C-alpha atoms as a PDB file:
ATOM      1  CA  MET A   1      18.172  26.274   9.519  1.00  0.00           C
ATOM      2  CA  ARG A   2      14.889  24.404   9.348  1.00  0.00           C
ATOM      3  CA  ILE A   3      13.147  23.722   5.941  1.00  0.00           C
ATOM      4  CA  PRO A   4       9.447  24.533   5.813  1.00  0.00           C
ATOM      5  CA  VAL A   5       7.145  21.652   5.797  1.00  0.00           C
ATOM      6  CA  ASN A   6       4.446  21.902   2.943  1.00  0.00           C
ATOM      7  CA  PRO A   7       1.390  20.491   4.727  1.00  0.00           C
ATOM      8  CA  LYS A   8      -0.209  18.695   1.839  1.00  0.00           C
ATOM      9  CA  LYS A   9       2.906  16.864   0.834  1.00  0.00           C
ATOM     10  CA  GLN A  10       3.427  15.707   4.557  1.00  0.00           C
ATOM     11  CA  LYS A  11       0.140  14.696   4.681  1.00  0.00           C
ATOM     12  CA  GLN A  12       0.358  12.519   1.371  1.00  0.00           C
ATOM     13  CA  ARG A  13       3.453  11.231   2.595  1.00  0.00           C
ATOM     14  CA  GLU A  14       1.588   9.865   6.327  1.00  0.00           C
ATOM     15  CA  ALA A  15      -1.290   8.577   3.794  1.00  0.00           C
ATOM     16  CA  TRP A  16       1.477   6.844   2.021  1.00  0.00           C
ATOM     17  CA  HIS A  17       3.226   5.425   4.908  1.00  0.00           C
ATOM     18  CA  LYS A  18       0.453   4.201   6.760  1.00  0.00           C
ATOM     19  CA  VAL A  19      -0.900   2.412   3.469  1.00  0.00           C
ATOM     20  CA  VAL A  20       2.574   0.801   3.041  1.00  0.00           C
ATOM     21  CA  VAL A  21       2.690  -0.160   6.408  1.00  0.00           C
ATOM     22  CA  LYS A  22      -0.840  -1.746   6.241  1.00  0.00           C
ATOM     23  CA  VAL A  23       0.326  -3.811   3.071  1.00  0.00           C
ATOM     24  CA  ILE A  24       3.599  -5.108   4.936  1.00  0.00           C
ATOM     25  CA  ARG A  25       1.552  -6.568   7.819  1.00  0.00           C
ATOM     26  CA  LEU A  26      -1.249  -8.086   5.199  1.00  0.00           C
ATOM     27  CA  ARG A  27       1.696  -9.109   2.996  1.00  0.00           C
ATOM     28  CA  GLY A  28       2.997 -11.332   5.700  1.00  0.00           C
ATOM     29  CA  GLY A  29       0.073 -13.188   6.835  1.00  0.00           C
ATOM     30  CA  ALA A  30      -1.307 -11.039   9.474  1.00  0.00           C
ATOM     31  CA  LYS A  31      -4.389 -11.627  10.458  1.00  0.00           C
ATOM     32  CA  VAL A  32      -7.119  -8.996  10.496  1.00  0.00           C
ATOM     33  CA  LEU A  33      -9.393  -8.434  12.989  1.00  0.00           C
ATOM     34  CA  ASP A  34     -10.634  -4.831  13.221  1.00  0.00           C
ATOM     35  CA  GLN A  35     -11.945  -2.835   9.857  1.00  0.00           C
ATOM     36  CA  ALA A  36      -9.062   0.036  10.064  1.00  0.00           C
ATOM     37  CA  GLU A  37      -6.735  -2.544   9.661  1.00  0.00           C
ATOM     38  CA  LYS A  38      -8.346  -3.972   6.053  1.00  0.00           C
ATOM     39  CA  LEU A  39      -6.830  -2.021   2.716  1.00  0.00           C
ATOM     40  CA  THR A  40      -9.714  -0.027   0.711  1.00  0.00           C
ATOM     41  CA  GLU A  41     -10.153  -0.092  -3.227  1.00  0.00           C
ATOM     42  CA  LYS A  42      -8.754   3.538  -2.746  1.00  0.00           C
ATOM     43  CA  GLU A  43      -5.475   2.718  -0.650  1.00  0.00           C
ATOM     44  CA  TRP A  44      -4.571  -0.357  -2.857  1.00  0.00           C
ATOM     45  CA  LYS A  45      -4.987   1.365  -6.175  1.00  0.00           C
ATOM     46  CA  MET A  46      -2.552   4.251  -4.100  1.00  0.00           C
ATOM     47  CA  TYR A  47      -0.026   1.613  -3.152  1.00  0.00           C
ATOM     48  CA  CYS A  48       0.088   0.221  -6.985  1.00  0.00           C
ATOM     49  CA  SER A  49       0.792   3.620  -8.415  1.00  0.00           C
ATOM     50  CA  GLY A  50       3.130   4.616  -5.735  1.00  0.00           C
ATOM     51  CA  ILE A  51       5.320   1.477  -6.388  1.00  0.00           C
ATOM     52  CA  LEU A  52       4.898   1.375 -10.076  1.00  0.00           C
ATOM     53  CA  LYS A  53       6.174   5.283 -10.239  1.00  0.00           C
ATOM     54  CA  SER A  54       8.786   4.804  -7.538  1.00  0.00           C
ATOM     55  CA  ASN A  55      10.444   1.331  -9.030  1.00  0.00           C
ATOM     56  CA  LEU A  56      13.517   2.329 -11.759  1.00  0.00           C
ATOM     57  CA  THR A  57      15.166  -0.859 -11.538  1.00  0.00           C
ATOM     58  CA  GLN A  58      12.513  -3.587 -12.678  1.00  0.00           C
ATOM     59  CA  GLU A  59      10.211  -3.831 -15.403  1.00  0.00           C
ATOM     60  CA  LYS A  60       6.421  -3.316 -15.261  1.00  0.00           C
ATOM     61  CA  SER A  61       5.500  -6.571 -16.145  1.00  0.00           C
ATOM     62  CA  VAL A  62       7.775  -7.961 -13.137  1.00  0.00           C
ATOM     63  CA  ILE A  63       6.461  -4.906 -10.771  1.00  0.00           C
ATOM     64  CA  LYS A  64       2.570  -5.893 -11.897  1.00  0.00           C
ATOM     65  CA  GLN A  65       3.299  -9.963 -11.502  1.00  0.00           C
ATOM     66  CA  ASN A  66       4.736  -9.025  -7.535  1.00  0.00           C
ATOM     67  CA  LEU A  67       1.672  -6.950  -7.250  1.00  0.00           C
ATOM     68  CA  LYS A  68      -1.117  -9.543  -8.184  1.00  0.00           C
ATOM     69  CA  GLN A  69       0.837 -11.661  -5.878  1.00  0.00           C
ATOM     70  CA  ILE A  70       0.907  -9.520  -2.946  1.00  0.00           C
ATOM     71  CA  GLU A  71      -3.272  -8.910  -3.761  1.00  0.00           C
ATOM     72  CA  ALA A  72      -3.836 -12.457  -3.859  1.00  0.00           C
ATOM     73  CA  THR A  73      -2.046 -13.088  -0.448  1.00  0.00           C
ATOM     74  CA  ILE A  74      -3.844 -10.136   1.168  1.00  0.00           C
ATOM     75  CA  LYS A  75      -7.181 -11.480  -0.326  1.00  0.00           C
ATOM     76  CA  ASP A  76      -6.605 -14.738   1.404  1.00  0.00           C
ATOM     77  CA  SER A  77      -5.959 -13.398   4.560  1.00  0.00           C
ATOM     78  CA  GLY A  78      -9.132 -11.042   4.410  1.00  0.00           C
ATOM     79  CA  GLY A  79      -7.203  -7.820   4.100  1.00  0.00           C
ATOM     80  CA  PHE A  80      -9.538  -5.648   1.962  1.00  0.00           C
ATOM     81  CA  ALA A  81     -12.455  -3.786   2.953  1.00  0.00           C
ATOM     82  CA  GLU A  82     -16.066  -4.803   2.290  1.00  0.00           C
ATOM     83  CA  LEU A  83     -17.655  -2.621  -0.446  1.00  0.00           C
END
């Protein structure tokens, strides 16, 4: 039996997956050559809120510190889109 997929939820999952992949690549120090590979402010906010909501094992202060470190790494590699 096939479970029907909610199209709105499916788009949200796809968007989340794309952002997570971008963050993983940029966090690993990948050099950004194309504007499409860079994170927008909206994507970064989505990533931060998603990580804070989904993490149940660590304190929020630890998670926020990790996010600050990731943000600094991404900034150093030029991974954020210009405003």
